[in-house]
Amino acid sequence: MACVKATANELAESGANVYEIAARLSHSDLKYSAPYVRDIDRKRLAEDSFDRVE
C-alpha cells in the first residue's frame, strides 16, 4: 500500500492529472486518485503565494 501511495504522490508532483493517476493505479473511481492531486495543488498554491510575498 505504501508503494502505491508513493507512486501516486510522485505522479502528482510530476504534474499528472487525476485521470492519469487513476489509469496508472487502476483506480475504478476518481475519488481514490483525487486526494493526491488536491494535496499537491494545495502545496503548489501555498508555495506560489509565498513567492509573491517575497
N, C-alpha and C. Protein backbone atom coordinates (compact mmCIF):
# COMPACT_ATOMS: atom_id res chain seq x y z
N MET A 1 0.83 -1.20 0.00
CA MET A 1 0.00 0.00 0.00
C MET A 1 0.86 1.26 0.00
N ALA A 2 1.96 1.24 0.76
CA ALA A 2 2.83 2.42 0.81
C ALA A 2 3.45 2.70 -0.54
N CYS A 3 3.74 1.66 -1.29
CA CYS A 3 4.32 1.83 -2.62
C CYS A 3 3.32 2.50 -3.56
N VAL A 4 2.06 2.15 -3.44
CA VAL A 4 1.01 2.76 -4.27
C VAL A 4 0.88 4.24 -3.94
N LYS A 5 0.90 4.57 -2.68
CA LYS A 5 0.80 5.98 -2.27
C LYS A 5 2.01 6.76 -2.74
N ALA A 6 3.18 6.17 -2.64
CA ALA A 6 4.39 6.84 -3.09
C ALA A 6 4.34 7.08 -4.60
N THR A 7 3.86 6.10 -5.33
CA THR A 7 3.73 6.25 -6.78
C THR A 7 2.74 7.35 -7.12
N ALA A 8 1.61 7.37 -6.43
CA ALA A 8 0.59 8.39 -6.68
C ALA A 8 1.13 9.78 -6.37
N ASN A 9 1.84 9.91 -5.27
CA ASN A 9 2.42 11.20 -4.91
C ASN A 9 3.46 11.64 -5.94
N GLU A 10 4.28 10.71 -6.37
CA GLU A 10 5.30 11.03 -7.36
C GLU A 10 4.66 11.47 -8.68
N LEU A 11 3.62 10.78 -9.09
CA LEU A 11 2.91 11.16 -10.32
C LEU A 11 2.30 12.55 -10.19
N ALA A 12 1.65 12.81 -9.08
CA ALA A 12 1.01 14.12 -8.87
C ALA A 12 2.05 15.23 -8.84
N GLU A 13 3.17 14.99 -8.18
CA GLU A 13 4.22 16.00 -8.11
C GLU A 13 4.84 16.28 -9.48
N SER A 14 4.82 15.28 -10.36
CA SER A 14 5.39 15.48 -11.69
C SER A 14 4.39 16.11 -12.65
N GLY A 15 3.17 16.39 -12.16
CA GLY A 15 2.20 17.10 -12.97
C GLY A 15 1.10 16.24 -13.57
N ALA A 16 1.03 14.97 -13.19
CA ALA A 16 -0.02 14.10 -13.71
C ALA A 16 -1.37 14.56 -13.18
N ASN A 17 -2.39 14.42 -14.00
CA ASN A 17 -3.73 14.78 -13.55
C ASN A 17 -4.43 13.57 -12.93
N VAL A 18 -5.61 13.78 -12.43
CA VAL A 18 -6.33 12.75 -11.70
C VAL A 18 -6.63 11.53 -12.60
N TYR A 19 -6.87 11.79 -13.88
CA TYR A 19 -7.17 10.69 -14.80
C TYR A 19 -5.94 9.83 -15.07
N GLU A 20 -4.81 10.47 -15.19
CA GLU A 20 -3.57 9.73 -15.42
C GLU A 20 -3.20 8.88 -14.21
N ILE A 21 -3.37 9.44 -13.03
CA ILE A 21 -3.08 8.68 -11.81
C ILE A 21 -4.03 7.50 -11.68
N ALA A 22 -5.31 7.74 -11.94
CA ALA A 22 -6.30 6.66 -11.86
C ALA A 22 -5.98 5.54 -12.84
N ALA A 23 -5.57 5.91 -14.05
CA ALA A 23 -5.24 4.89 -15.05
C ALA A 23 -4.01 4.11 -14.64
N ARG A 24 -3.02 4.79 -14.15
CA ARG A 24 -1.75 4.12 -13.78
C ARG A 24 -1.95 3.17 -12.60
N LEU A 25 -2.81 3.56 -11.66
CA LEU A 25 -3.01 2.76 -10.45
C LEU A 25 -4.24 1.87 -10.53
N SER A 26 -4.90 1.85 -11.67
CA SER A 26 -6.10 1.02 -11.90
C SER A 26 -7.23 1.34 -10.93
N HIS A 27 -7.38 2.63 -10.62
CA HIS A 27 -8.49 3.04 -9.77
C HIS A 27 -9.77 3.05 -10.60
N SER A 28 -10.82 2.47 -10.07
CA SER A 28 -12.08 2.44 -10.79
C SER A 28 -12.91 3.70 -10.55
N ASP A 29 -12.56 4.45 -9.53
CA ASP A 29 -13.29 5.67 -9.19
C ASP A 29 -12.28 6.80 -8.95
N LEU A 30 -12.55 7.96 -9.49
CA LEU A 30 -11.62 9.09 -9.36
C LEU A 30 -11.48 9.58 -7.93
N LYS A 31 -12.43 9.23 -7.07
CA LYS A 31 -12.34 9.70 -5.68
C LYS A 31 -11.11 9.14 -4.97
N TYR A 32 -10.56 8.06 -5.51
CA TYR A 32 -9.36 7.48 -4.91
C TYR A 32 -8.09 8.18 -5.38
N SER A 33 -8.14 8.77 -6.54
CA SER A 33 -6.97 9.47 -7.10
C SER A 33 -6.98 10.96 -6.78
N ALA A 34 -8.13 11.53 -6.60
CA ALA A 34 -8.27 12.97 -6.41
C ALA A 34 -7.49 13.52 -5.21
N PRO A 35 -7.42 12.84 -4.07
CA PRO A 35 -6.70 13.42 -2.94
C PRO A 35 -5.22 13.71 -3.23
N TYR A 36 -4.60 12.89 -4.05
CA TYR A 36 -3.19 13.11 -4.36
C TYR A 36 -3.00 14.40 -5.15
N VAL A 37 -3.85 14.61 -6.14
CA VAL A 37 -3.76 15.82 -6.95
C VAL A 37 -4.15 17.04 -6.11
N ARG A 38 -5.18 16.90 -5.30
CA ARG A 38 -5.64 18.01 -4.46
C ARG A 38 -4.55 18.44 -3.49
N ASP A 39 -3.89 17.48 -2.87
CA ASP A 39 -2.83 17.82 -1.90
C ASP A 39 -1.66 18.53 -2.57
N ILE A 40 -1.27 18.05 -3.74
CA ILE A 40 -0.16 18.68 -4.46
C ILE A 40 -0.56 20.06 -4.95
N ASP A 41 -1.79 20.21 -5.43
CA ASP A 41 -2.27 21.53 -5.87
C ASP A 41 -2.26 22.51 -4.70
N ARG A 42 -2.68 22.04 -3.55
CA ARG A 42 -2.70 22.90 -2.37
C ARG A 42 -1.28 23.32 -1.99
N LYS A 43 -0.35 22.38 -2.07
CA LYS A 43 1.05 22.67 -1.76
C LYS A 43 1.62 23.69 -2.75
N ARG A 44 1.32 23.53 -4.03
CA ARG A 44 1.80 24.46 -5.06
C ARG A 44 1.22 25.86 -4.85
N LEU A 45 -0.05 25.93 -4.52
CA LEU A 45 -0.68 27.23 -4.28
C LEU A 45 -0.02 27.94 -3.09
N ALA A 46 0.27 27.19 -2.05
CA ALA A 46 0.92 27.78 -0.88
C ALA A 46 2.31 28.30 -1.24
N GLU A 47 3.06 27.50 -2.00
CA GLU A 47 4.40 27.92 -2.40
C GLU A 47 4.34 29.16 -3.31
N ASP A 48 3.38 29.18 -4.22
CA ASP A 48 3.23 30.34 -5.11
C ASP A 48 2.88 31.60 -4.33
N SER A 49 2.06 31.46 -3.31
CA SER A 49 1.67 32.64 -2.53
C SER A 49 2.87 33.20 -1.77
N PHE A 50 3.74 32.33 -1.28
CA PHE A 50 4.94 32.80 -0.59
C PHE A 50 5.89 33.49 -1.56
N ASP A 51 5.96 32.97 -2.78
CA ASP A 51 6.83 33.60 -3.79
C ASP A 51 6.35 35.01 -4.13
N ARG A 52 5.07 35.23 -4.11
CA ARG A 52 4.53 36.56 -4.42
C ARG A 52 4.84 37.57 -3.32
N VAL A 53 4.89 37.09 -2.09
CA VAL A 53 5.13 37.99 -0.95
C VAL A 53 6.59 38.41 -0.90
N GLU A 54 7.47 37.52 -1.26
CA GLU A 54 8.91 37.81 -1.14
C GLU A 54 9.39 38.79 -2.13
